[in-house]
PDB file of all heavy atoms in Angstrom:
ATOM      1  N   ILE A   1     -16.593 -26.510  59.344  1.00  0.00           N
ATOM      2  CA  ILE A   1     -17.163 -27.754  58.836  1.00  0.00           C
ATOM      3  C   ILE A   1     -17.106 -27.794  57.311  1.00  0.00           C
ATOM      4  O   ILE A   1     -16.809 -28.828  56.712  1.00  0.00           O
ATOM      5  CB  ILE A   1     -18.617 -27.933  59.334  1.00  0.00           C
ATOM      6  CG1 ILE A   1     -18.654 -27.984  60.866  1.00  0.00           C
ATOM      7  CG2 ILE A   1     -19.218 -29.204  58.774  1.00  0.00           C
ATOM      8  CD1 ILE A   1     -18.858 -26.672  61.553  1.00  0.00           C
ATOM      9  N   LEU A   2     -17.373 -26.651  56.676  1.00  0.00           N
ATOM     10  CA  LEU A   2     -17.312 -26.594  55.215  1.00  0.00           C
ATOM     11  C   LEU A   2     -15.945 -27.034  54.706  1.00  0.00           C
ATOM     12  O   LEU A   2     -15.840 -27.783  53.732  1.00  0.00           O
ATOM     13  CB  LEU A   2     -17.623 -25.177  54.728  1.00  0.00           C
ATOM     14  CG  LEU A   2     -17.486 -24.942  53.223  1.00  0.00           C
ATOM     15  CD1 LEU A   2     -18.464 -25.800  52.436  1.00  0.00           C
ATOM     16  CD2 LEU A   2     -17.674 -23.463  52.890  1.00  0.00           C
ATOM     17  N   GLY A   3     -14.874 -26.592  55.376  1.00  0.00           N
ATOM     18  CA  GLY A   3     -13.529 -26.926  54.913  1.00  0.00           C
ATOM     19  C   GLY A   3     -13.209 -28.399  55.031  1.00  0.00           C
ATOM     20  O   GLY A   3     -12.540 -28.979  54.165  1.00  0.00           O
ATOM     21  N   VAL A   4     -13.686 -29.042  56.108  1.00  0.00           N
ATOM     22  CA  VAL A   4     -13.449 -30.479  56.291  1.00  0.00           C
ATOM     23  C   VAL A   4     -14.239 -31.284  55.264  1.00  0.00           C
ATOM     24  O   VAL A   4     -13.700 -32.174  54.584  1.00  0.00           O
ATOM     25  CB  VAL A   4     -13.825 -30.917  57.719  1.00  0.00           C
ATOM     26  CG1 VAL A   4     -13.659 -32.431  57.878  1.00  0.00           C
ATOM     27  CG2 VAL A   4     -12.973 -30.185  58.749  1.00  0.00           C
ATOM     28  N   LEU A   5     -15.518 -30.981  55.135  1.00  0.00           N
ATOM     29  CA  LEU A   5     -16.376 -31.792  54.267  1.00  0.00           C
ATOM     30  C   LEU A   5     -16.128 -31.509  52.788  1.00  0.00           C
ATOM     31  O   LEU A   5     -16.342 -32.395  51.943  1.00  0.00           O
ATOM     32  CB  LEU A   5     -17.839 -31.572  54.636  1.00  0.00           C
ATOM     33  CG  LEU A   5     -18.191 -31.995  56.073  1.00  0.00           C
ATOM     34  CD1 LEU A   5     -19.692 -31.870  56.320  1.00  0.00           C
ATOM     35  CD2 LEU A   5     -17.724 -33.422  56.359  1.00  0.00           C
ATOM     36  N   ALA A   6     -15.645 -30.320  52.456  1.00  0.00           N
ATOM     37  CA  ALA A   6     -15.234 -30.060  51.072  1.00  0.00           C
ATOM     38  C   ALA A   6     -13.996 -30.886  50.727  1.00  0.00           C
ATOM     39  O   ALA A   6     -13.844 -31.348  49.583  1.00  0.00           O
ATOM     40  CB  ALA A   6     -14.968 -28.576  50.861  1.00  0.00           C
ATOM     41  N   GLY A   7     -13.107 -31.078  51.707  1.00  0.00           N
ATOM     42  CA  GLY A   7     -11.965 -31.960  51.481  1.00  0.00           C
ATOM     43  C   GLY A   7     -12.407 -33.383  51.218  1.00  0.00           C
ATOM     44  O   GLY A   7     -11.895 -34.062  50.308  1.00  0.00           O
ATOM     45  N   LEU A   8     -13.377 -33.859  51.994  1.00  0.00           N
ATOM     46  CA  LEU A   8     -13.939 -35.189  51.760  1.00  0.00           C
ATOM     47  C   LEU A   8     -14.582 -35.265  50.383  1.00  0.00           C
ATOM     48  O   LEU A   8     -14.441 -36.280  49.682  1.00  0.00           O
ATOM     49  CB  LEU A   8     -14.966 -35.502  52.848  1.00  0.00           C
ATOM     50  CG  LEU A   8     -15.786 -36.782  52.682  1.00  0.00           C
ATOM     51  CD1 LEU A   8     -14.893 -38.017  52.665  1.00  0.00           C
ATOM     52  CD2 LEU A   8     -16.836 -36.885  53.785  1.00  0.00           C
ATOM     53  N   GLU A   9     -15.270 -34.219  49.970  1.00  0.00           N
ATOM     54  CA  GLU A   9     -15.922 -34.211  48.652  1.00  0.00           C
ATOM     55  C   GLU A   9     -14.906 -34.303  47.526  1.00  0.00           C
ATOM     56  O   GLU A   9     -15.173 -34.925  46.489  1.00  0.00           O
ATOM     57  CB  GLU A   9     -16.786 -32.958  48.505  1.00  0.00           C
ATOM     58  CG  GLU A   9     -17.464 -32.803  47.146  1.00  0.00           C
ATOM     59  CD  GLU A   9     -18.291 -34.014  46.743  1.00  0.00           C
ATOM     60  OE1 GLU A   9     -18.916 -34.656  47.618  1.00  0.00           O
ATOM     61  OE2 GLU A   9     -18.308 -34.335  45.541  1.00  0.00           O
ATOM     62  N   ILE A  10     -13.731 -33.708  47.704  1.00  0.00           N
ATOM     63  CA  ILE A  10     -12.668 -33.847  46.695  1.00  0.00           C
ATOM     64  C   ILE A  10     -12.361 -35.327  46.470  1.00  0.00           C
ATOM     65  O   ILE A  10     -12.287 -35.807  45.332  1.00  0.00           O
ATOM     66  CB  ILE A  10     -11.397 -33.102  47.140  1.00  0.00           C
ATOM     67  CG1 ILE A  10     -11.613 -31.595  47.097  1.00  0.00           C
ATOM     68  CG2 ILE A  10     -10.198 -33.493  46.260  1.00  0.00           C
ATOM     69  CD1 ILE A  10     -10.469 -30.791  47.687  1.00  0.00           C
ATOM     70  N   VAL A  11     -12.182 -36.061  47.558  1.00  0.00           N
ATOM     71  CA  VAL A  11     -11.843 -37.479  47.453  1.00  0.00           C
ATOM     72  C   VAL A  11     -12.996 -38.266  46.841  1.00  0.00           C
ATOM     73  O   VAL A  11     -12.790 -39.141  45.988  1.00  0.00           O
ATOM     74  CB  VAL A  11     -11.458 -38.039  48.835  1.00  0.00           C
ATOM     75  CG1 VAL A  11     -11.274 -39.550  48.777  1.00  0.00           C
ATOM     76  CG2 VAL A  11     -10.185 -37.366  49.341  1.00  0.00           C
ATOM     77  N   ARG A  12     -14.220 -37.978  47.255  1.00  0.00           N
ATOM     78  CA  ARG A  12     -15.368 -38.680  46.685  1.00  0.00           C
ATOM     79  C   ARG A  12     -15.447 -38.465  45.171  1.00  0.00           C
ATOM     80  O   ARG A  12     -15.721 -39.410  44.411  1.00  0.00           O
ATOM     81  CB  ARG A  12     -16.655 -38.194  47.359  1.00  0.00           C
ATOM     82  CG  ARG A  12     -16.847 -38.719  48.782  1.00  0.00           C
ATOM     83  CD  ARG A  12     -18.031 -38.048  49.469  1.00  0.00           C
ATOM     84  NE  ARG A  12     -18.476 -38.790  50.648  1.00  0.00           N
ATOM     85  CZ  ARG A  12     -19.400 -38.361  51.494  1.00  0.00           C
ATOM     86  NH1 ARG A  12     -19.975 -37.163  51.308  1.00  0.00           N
ATOM     87  NH2 ARG A  12     -19.761 -39.098  52.534  1.00  0.00           N
ATOM     88  N   THR A  13     -15.191 -37.244  44.720  1.00  0.00           N
ATOM     89  CA  THR A  13     -15.236 -36.951  43.292  1.00  0.00           C
ATOM     90  C   THR A  13     -14.111 -37.661  42.553  1.00  0.00           C
ATOM     91  O   THR A  13     -14.315 -38.222  41.468  1.00  0.00           O
ATOM     92  CB  THR A  13     -15.161 -35.434  43.057  1.00  0.00           C
ATOM     93  OG1 THR A  13     -16.281 -34.806  43.682  1.00  0.00           O
ATOM     94  CG2 THR A  13     -15.177 -35.102  41.573  1.00  0.00           C
ATOM     95  N   LEU A  14     -12.913 -37.656  43.125  1.00  0.00           N
ATOM     96  CA  LEU A  14     -11.793 -38.363  42.494  1.00  0.00           C
ATOM     97  C   LEU A  14     -12.080 -39.860  42.397  1.00  0.00           C
ATOM     98  O   LEU A  14     -11.779 -40.501  41.373  1.00  0.00           O
ATOM     99  CB  LEU A  14     -10.516 -38.129  43.293  1.00  0.00           C
ATOM    100  CG  LEU A  14      -9.927 -36.716  43.250  1.00  0.00           C
ATOM    101  CD1 LEU A  14      -8.738 -36.603  44.200  1.00  0.00           C
ATOM    102  CD2 LEU A  14      -9.501 -36.345  41.828  1.00  0.00           C
ATOM    103  N   ASN A  15     -12.669 -40.420  43.439  1.00  0.00           N
ATOM    104  CA  ASN A  15     -13.005 -41.845  43.410  1.00  0.00           C
ATOM    105  C   ASN A  15     -14.016 -42.152  42.316  1.00  0.00           C
ATOM    106  O   ASN A  15     -13.893 -43.158  41.594  1.00  0.00           O
ATOM    107  CB  ASN A  15     -13.560 -42.286  44.766  1.00  0.00           C
ATOM    108  CG  ASN A  15     -12.507 -42.343  45.853  1.00  0.00           C
ATOM    109  OD1 ASN A  15     -11.308 -42.269  45.578  1.00  0.00           O
ATOM    110  ND2 ASN A  15     -12.940 -42.463  47.097  1.00  0.00           N
ATOM    111  N   GLU A  16     -15.019 -41.310  42.179  1.00  0.00           N
ATOM    112  CA  GLU A  16     -16.056 -41.531  41.169  1.00  0.00           C
ATOM    113  C   GLU A  16     -15.499 -41.490  39.755  1.00  0.00           C
ATOM    114  O   GLU A  16     -15.933 -42.248  38.883  1.00  0.00           O
ATOM    115  CB  GLU A  16     -17.150 -40.472  41.301  1.00  0.00           C
ATOM    116  CG  GLU A  16     -18.147 -40.716  42.403  1.00  0.00           C
ATOM    117  CD  GLU A  16     -19.239 -39.684  42.416  1.00  0.00           C
ATOM    118  OE1 GLU A  16     -19.105 -38.623  41.761  1.00  0.00           O
ATOM    119  OE2 GLU A  16     -20.251 -39.932  43.102  1.00  0.00           O
ATOM    120  N   THR A  17     -14.559 -40.587  39.541  1.00  0.00           N
ATOM    121  CA  THR A  17     -14.010 -40.400  38.196  1.00  0.00           C
ATOM    122  C   THR A  17     -12.810 -41.298  37.914  1.00  0.00           C
ATOM    123  O   THR A  17     -12.332 -41.350  36.779  1.00  0.00           O
ATOM    124  CB  THR A  17     -13.589 -38.932  37.999  1.00  0.00           C
ATOM    125  OG1 THR A  17     -12.670 -38.561  39.039  1.00  0.00           O
ATOM    126  CG2 THR A  17     -14.799 -38.017  38.048  1.00  0.00           C
ATOM    127  N   GLY A  18     -12.318 -41.981  38.949  1.00  0.00           N
ATOM    128  CA  GLY A  18     -11.176 -42.865  38.765  1.00  0.00           C
ATOM    129  C   GLY A  18      -9.859 -42.141  38.593  1.00  0.00           C
ATOM    130  O   GLY A  18      -8.866 -42.736  38.152  1.00  0.00           O
ATOM    131  N   ILE A  19      -9.817 -40.881  38.947  1.00  0.00           N
ATOM    132  CA  ILE A  19      -8.590 -40.096  38.787  1.00  0.00           C
ATOM    133  C   ILE A  19      -7.609 -40.422  39.915  1.00  0.00           C
ATOM    134  O   ILE A  19      -7.982 -40.491  41.082  1.00  0.00           O
ATOM    135  CB  ILE A  19      -8.910 -38.587  38.780  1.00  0.00           C
ATOM    136  CG1 ILE A  19      -9.671 -38.235  37.500  1.00  0.00           C
ATOM    137  CG2 ILE A  19      -7.640 -37.746  38.893  1.00  0.00           C
ATOM    138  CD1 ILE A  19     -10.130 -36.797  37.451  1.00  0.00           C
ATOM    139  N   LYS A  20      -6.362 -40.615  39.535  1.00  0.00           N
ATOM    140  CA  LYS A  20      -5.300 -40.856  40.499  1.00  0.00           C
ATOM    141  C   LYS A  20      -4.372 -39.650  40.558  1.00  0.00           C
ATOM    142  O   LYS A  20      -4.204 -38.930  39.569  1.00  0.00           O
ATOM    143  CB  LYS A  20      -4.504 -42.105  40.114  1.00  0.00           C
ATOM    144  CG  LYS A  20      -5.335 -43.381  40.104  1.00  0.00           C
ATOM    145  CD  LYS A  20      -4.499 -44.575  39.663  1.00  0.00           C
ATOM    146  CE  LYS A  20      -5.326 -45.856  39.642  1.00  0.00           C
ATOM    147  NZ  LYS A  20      -4.535 -47.024  39.190  1.00  0.00           N
ATOM    148  N   THR A  21      -3.777 -39.444  41.718  1.00  0.00           N
ATOM    149  CA  THR A  21      -2.805 -38.362  41.871  1.00  0.00           C
ATOM    150  C   THR A  21      -1.467 -38.928  42.328  1.00  0.00           C
ATOM    151  O   THR A  21      -1.414 -39.940  43.025  1.00  0.00           O
ATOM    152  CB  THR A  21      -3.284 -37.313  42.901  1.00  0.00           C
ATOM    153  OG1 THR A  21      -3.485 -37.949  44.170  1.00  0.00           O
ATOM    154  CG2 THR A  21      -4.577 -36.654  42.441  1.00  0.00           C
ATOM    155  N   LYS A  22      -0.407 -38.251  41.914  1.00  0.00           N
ATOM    156  CA  LYS A  22       0.932 -38.676  42.329  1.00  0.00           C
ATOM    157  C   LYS A  22       1.088 -38.553  43.845  1.00  0.00           C
ATOM    158  O   LYS A  22       1.580 -39.475  44.506  1.00  0.00           O
ATOM    159  CB  LYS A  22       1.985 -37.818  41.620  1.00  0.00           C
ATOM    160  CG  LYS A  22       3.412 -38.098  42.089  1.00  0.00           C
ATOM    161  CD  LYS A  22       4.415 -37.167  41.406  1.00  0.00           C
ATOM    162  CE  LYS A  22       5.826 -37.406  41.944  1.00  0.00           C
ATOM    163  NZ  LYS A  22       6.818 -36.489  41.310  1.00  0.00           N
ATOM    164  N   HIS A  23       0.664 -37.439  44.377  1.00  0.00           N
ATOM    165  CA  HIS A  23       0.800 -37.179  45.812  1.00  0.00           C
ATOM    166  C   HIS A  23      -0.454 -37.633  46.553  1.00  0.00           C
ATOM    167  O   HIS A  23      -1.575 -37.426  46.069  1.00  0.00           O
ATOM    168  CB  HIS A  23       1.015 -35.687  46.063  1.00  0.00           C
ATOM    169  CG  HIS A  23       2.292 -35.153  45.498  1.00  0.00           C
ATOM    170  ND1 HIS A  23       3.433 -34.984  46.241  1.00  0.00           N
ATOM    171  CD2 HIS A  23       2.602 -34.753  44.233  1.00  0.00           C
ATOM    172  CE1 HIS A  23       4.398 -34.497  45.476  1.00  0.00           C
ATOM    173  NE2 HIS A  23       3.919 -34.350  44.250  1.00  0.00           N
ATOM    174  N   PRO A  24      -0.302 -38.238  47.703  1.00  0.00           N
ATOM    175  CA  PRO A  24      -1.481 -38.548  48.517  1.00  0.00           C
ATOM    176  C   PRO A  24      -2.242 -37.265  48.862  1.00  0.00           C
ATOM    177  O   PRO A  24      -1.662 -36.178  48.908  1.00  0.00           O
ATOM    178  CB  PRO A  24      -0.885 -39.194  49.778  1.00  0.00           C
ATOM    179  CG  PRO A  24       0.483 -39.639  49.390  1.00  0.00           C
ATOM    180  CD  PRO A  24       0.958 -38.665  48.350  1.00  0.00           C
ATOM    181  N   ILE A  25      -3.521 -37.410  49.124  1.00  0.00           N
ATOM    182  CA  ILE A  25      -4.353 -36.302  49.599  1.00  0.00           C
ATOM    183  C   ILE A  25      -4.858 -36.669  50.990  1.00  0.00           C
ATOM    184  O   ILE A  25      -5.414 -37.753  51.189  1.00  0.00           O
ATOM    185  CB  ILE A  25      -5.518 -36.021  48.643  1.00  0.00           C
ATOM    186  CG1 ILE A  25      -4.985 -35.519  47.292  1.00  0.00           C
ATOM    187  CG2 ILE A  25      -6.490 -35.003  49.251  1.00  0.00           C
ATOM    188  CD1 ILE A  25      -6.053 -35.355  46.228  1.00  0.00           C
ATOM    189  N   VAL A  26      -4.651 -35.789  51.947  1.00  0.00           N
ATOM    190  CA  VAL A  26      -5.030 -36.045  53.340  1.00  0.00           C
ATOM    191  C   VAL A  26      -6.048 -34.997  53.784  1.00  0.00           C
ATOM    192  O   VAL A  26      -5.777 -33.795  53.698  1.00  0.00           O
ATOM    193  CB  VAL A  26      -3.807 -36.018  54.277  1.00  0.00           C
ATOM    194  CG1 VAL A  26      -4.231 -36.313  55.716  1.00  0.00           C
ATOM    195  CG2 VAL A  26      -2.749 -37.021  53.814  1.00  0.00           C
ATOM    196  N   VAL A  27      -7.201 -35.451  54.236  1.00  0.00           N
ATOM    197  CA  VAL A  27      -8.238 -34.555  54.751  1.00  0.00           C
ATOM    198  C   VAL A  27      -8.101 -34.496  56.269  1.00  0.00           C
ATOM    199  O   VAL A  27      -8.038 -35.533  56.940  1.00  0.00           O
ATOM    200  CB  VAL A  27      -9.641 -35.034  54.350  1.00  0.00           C
ATOM    201  CG1 VAL A  27     -10.693 -34.019  54.805  1.00  0.00           C
ATOM    202  CG2 VAL A  27      -9.736 -35.243  52.841  1.00  0.00           C
ATOM    203  N   VAL A  28      -8.062 -33.268  56.818  1.00  0.00           N
ATOM    204  CA  VAL A  28      -7.729 -33.060  58.225  1.00  0.00           C
ATOM    205  C   VAL A  28      -8.905 -32.460  58.989  1.00  0.00           C
ATOM    206  O   VAL A  28      -9.583 -31.556  58.489  1.00  0.00           O
ATOM    207  CB  VAL A  28      -6.524 -32.103  58.373  1.00  0.00           C
ATOM    208  CG1 VAL A  28      -6.057 -32.047  59.822  1.00  0.00           C
ATOM    209  CG2 VAL A  28      -5.393 -32.502  57.459  1.00  0.00           C
ATOM    210  N   ASN A  29      -9.116 -32.963  60.206  1.00  0.00           N
ATOM    211  CA  ASN A  29     -10.002 -32.316  61.184  1.00  0.00           C
ATOM    212  C   ASN A  29      -9.154 -31.952  62.396  1.00  0.00           C
ATOM    213  O   ASN A  29      -8.814 -32.816  63.208  1.00  0.00           O
ATOM    214  CB  ASN A  29     -11.150 -33.250  61.593  1.00  0.00           C
ATOM    215  CG  ASN A  29     -11.908 -32.731  62.805  1.00  0.00           C
ATOM    216  OD1 ASN A  29     -12.078 -31.532  62.981  1.00  0.00           O
ATOM    217  ND2 ASN A  29     -12.352 -33.646  63.672  1.00  0.00           N
ATOM    218  N   PHE A  30      -8.798 -30.676  62.510  1.00  0.00           N
ATOM    219  CA  PHE A  30      -8.003 -30.217  63.640  1.00  0.00           C
ATOM    220  C   PHE A  30      -8.867 -30.088  64.893  1.00  0.00           C
ATOM    221  O   PHE A  30     -10.003 -29.620  64.838  1.00  0.00           O
ATOM    222  CB  PHE A  30      -7.354 -28.861  63.344  1.00  0.00           C
ATOM    223  CG  PHE A  30      -6.161 -28.943  62.438  1.00  0.00           C
ATOM    224  CD1 PHE A  30      -6.228 -28.473  61.133  1.00  0.00           C
ATOM    225  CD2 PHE A  30      -4.970 -29.485  62.882  1.00  0.00           C
ATOM    226  CE1 PHE A  30      -5.125 -28.540  60.296  1.00  0.00           C
ATOM    227  CE2 PHE A  30      -3.856 -29.561  62.052  1.00  0.00           C
ATOM    228  CZ  PHE A  30      -3.940 -29.095  60.750  1.00  0.00           C
ATOM    229  N   THR A  31      -8.305 -30.491  66.026  1.00  0.00           N
ATOM    230  CA  THR A  31      -9.009 -30.425  67.313  1.00  0.00           C
ATOM    231  C   THR A  31      -9.006 -29.005  67.885  1.00  0.00           C
ATOM    232  O   THR A  31      -7.990 -28.312  67.824  1.00  0.00           O
ATOM    233  CB  THR A  31      -8.322 -31.377  68.319  1.00  0.00           C
ATOM    234  OG1 THR A  31      -8.325 -32.701  67.805  1.00  0.00           O
ATOM    235  CG2 THR A  31      -9.038 -31.360  69.663  1.00  0.00           C
ATOM    236  N   ASN A  32     -10.155 -28.607  68.444  1.00  0.00           N
ATOM    237  CA  ASN A  32     -10.253 -27.389  69.255  1.00  0.00           C
ATOM    238  C   ASN A  32      -9.750 -26.143  68.530  1.00  0.00           C
ATOM    239  O   ASN A  32      -8.971 -25.372  69.073  1.00  0.00           O
ATOM    240  CB  ASN A  32      -9.480 -27.566  70.571  1.00  0.00           C
ATOM    241  CG  ASN A  32      -9.786 -26.464  71.590  1.00  0.00           C
ATOM    242  OD1 ASN A  32     -10.934 -26.139  71.828  1.00  0.00           O
ATOM    243  ND2 ASN A  32      -8.749 -25.904  72.181  1.00  0.00           N
ATOM    244  N   GLU A  33     -10.234 -25.944  67.309  1.00  0.00           N
ATOM    245  CA  GLU A  33      -9.871 -24.716  66.608  1.00  0.00           C
ATOM    246  C   GLU A  33     -10.512 -23.506  67.267  1.00  0.00           C
ATOM    247  O   GLU A  33      -9.883 -22.456  67.408  1.00  0.00           O
ATOM    248  CB  GLU A  33     -10.295 -24.797  65.139  1.00  0.00           C
ATOM    249  CG  GLU A  33      -9.729 -23.684  64.259  1.00  0.00           C
ATOM    250  CD  GLU A  33     -10.545 -22.395  64.256  1.00  0.00           C
ATOM    251  OE1 GLU A  33     -11.690 -22.396  64.775  1.00  0.00           O
ATOM    252  OE2 GLU A  33     -10.046 -21.374  63.745  1.00  0.00           O
ATOM    253  N   GLU A  34     -11.775 -23.657  67.675  1.00  0.00           N
ATOM    254  CA  GLU A  34     -12.500 -22.505  68.200  1.00  0.00           C
ATOM    255  C   GLU A  34     -11.919 -21.996  69.520  1.00  0.00           C
ATOM    256  O   GLU A  34     -11.909 -20.800  69.781  1.00  0.00           O
ATOM    257  CB  GLU A  34     -13.982 -22.844  68.386  1.00  0.00           C
ATOM    258  CG  GLU A  34     -14.730 -23.112  67.082  1.00  0.00           C
ATOM    259  CD  GLU A  34     -14.881 -21.864  66.228  1.00  0.00           C
ATOM    260  OE1 GLU A  34     -14.458 -20.777  66.656  1.00  0.00           O
ATOM    261  OE2 GLU A  34     -15.418 -21.973  65.119  1.00  0.00           O
ATOM    262  N   GLY A  35     -11.476 -22.904  70.369  1.00  0.00           N
ATOM    263  CA  GLY A  35     -10.895 -22.476  71.640  1.00  0.00           C
ATOM    264  C   GLY A  35     -11.905 -21.933  72.626  1.00  0.00           C
ATOM    265  O   GLY A  35     -11.528 -21.355  73.655  1.00  0.00           O
ATOM    266  N   THR A  36     -13.182 -22.135  72.351  1.00  0.00           N
ATOM    267  CA  THR A  36     -14.194 -21.550  73.235  1.00  0.00           C
ATOM    268  C   THR A  36     -14.282 -22.302  74.558  1.00  0.00           C
ATOM    269  O   THR A  36     -14.516 -21.705  75.600  1.00  0.00           O
ATOM    270  CB  THR A  36     -15.568 -21.527  72.525  1.00  0.00           C
ATOM    271  OG1 THR A  36     -16.509 -20.852  73.351  1.00  0.00           O
ATOM    272  CG2 THR A  36     -16.078 -22.932  72.241  1.00  0.00           C
ATOM    273  N   ARG A  37     -14.063 -23.619  74.534  1.00  0.00           N
ATOM    274  CA  ARG A  37     -14.090 -24.395  75.776  1.00  0.00           C
ATOM    275  C   ARG A  37     -12.702 -24.463  76.400  1.00  0.00           C
ATOM    276  O   ARG A  37     -12.558 -24.384  77.622  1.00  0.00           O
ATOM    277  CB  ARG A  37     -14.617 -25.802  75.491  1.00  0.00           C
ATOM    278  CG  ARG A  37     -14.768 -26.634  76.767  1.00  0.00           C
ATOM    279  CD  ARG A  37     -15.251 -28.045  76.507  1.00  0.00           C
ATOM    280  NE  ARG A  37     -15.326 -28.794  77.751  1.00  0.00           N
ATOM    281  CZ  ARG A  37     -15.332 -30.117  77.827  1.00  0.00           C
ATOM    282  NH1 ARG A  37     -15.297 -30.858  76.719  1.00  0.00           N
ATOM    283  NH2 ARG A  37     -15.379 -30.718  79.012  1.00  0.00           N
ATOM    284  N   PHE A  38     -11.690 -24.645  75.579  1.00  0.00           N
ATOM    285  CA  PHE A  38     -10.305 -24.735  76.068  1.00  0.00           C
ATOM    286  C   PHE A  38      -9.470 -23.662  75.363  1.00  0.00           C
ATOM    287  O   PHE A  38      -8.857 -23.932  74.331  1.00  0.00           O
ATOM    288  CB  PHE A  38      -9.722 -26.123  75.787  1.00  0.00           C
ATOM    289  CG  PHE A  38     -10.400 -27.246  76.522  1.00  0.00           C
ATOM    290  CD1 PHE A  38     -11.323 -28.053  75.871  1.00  0.00           C
ATOM    291  CD2 PHE A  38     -10.132 -27.491  77.857  1.00  0.00           C
ATOM    292  CE1 PHE A  38     -11.955 -29.095  76.538  1.00  0.00           C
ATOM    293  CE2 PHE A  38     -10.757 -28.523  78.534  1.00  0.00           C
ATOM    294  CZ  PHE A  38     -11.674 -29.328  77.869  1.00  0.00           C
ATOM    295  N   PRO A  39      -9.465 -22.428  75.889  1.00  0.00           N
ATOM    296  CA  PRO A  39      -8.659 -21.376  75.256  1.00  0.00           C
ATOM    297  C   PRO A  39      -7.175 -21.726  75.306  1.00  0.00           C
ATOM    298  O   PRO A  39      -6.735 -22.431  76.223  1.00  0.00           O
ATOM    299  CB  PRO A  39      -8.966 -20.139  76.114  1.00  0.00           C
ATOM    300  CG  PRO A  39     -10.217 -20.484  76.868  1.00  0.00           C
ATOM    301  CD  PRO A  39     -10.183 -21.962  77.079  1.00  0.00           C
ATOM    302  N   PRO A  40      -6.397 -21.218  74.327  1.00  0.00           N
ATOM    303  CA  PRO A  40      -6.801 -20.327  73.242  1.00  0.00           C
ATOM    304  C   PRO A  40      -7.290 -21.093  72.017  1.00  0.00           C
ATOM    305  O   PRO A  40      -7.353 -22.326  72.027  1.00  0.00           O
ATOM    306  CB  PRO A  40      -5.507 -19.593  72.923  1.00  0.00           C
ATOM    307  CG  PRO A  40      -4.444 -20.626  73.183  1.00  0.00           C
ATOM    308  CD  PRO A  40      -4.939 -21.412  74.374  1.00  0.00           C
TER     309      PRO A  40
END
């Protein structure tokens, strides 16, 4: 969760400061990383 929401925080900070980047920034939430319900 920290990794996903820290990615969101990057965008929120860039928006607040008005900073633009040449490359798009994409924040990702990958499905079923843990594999505890659907192994592996």
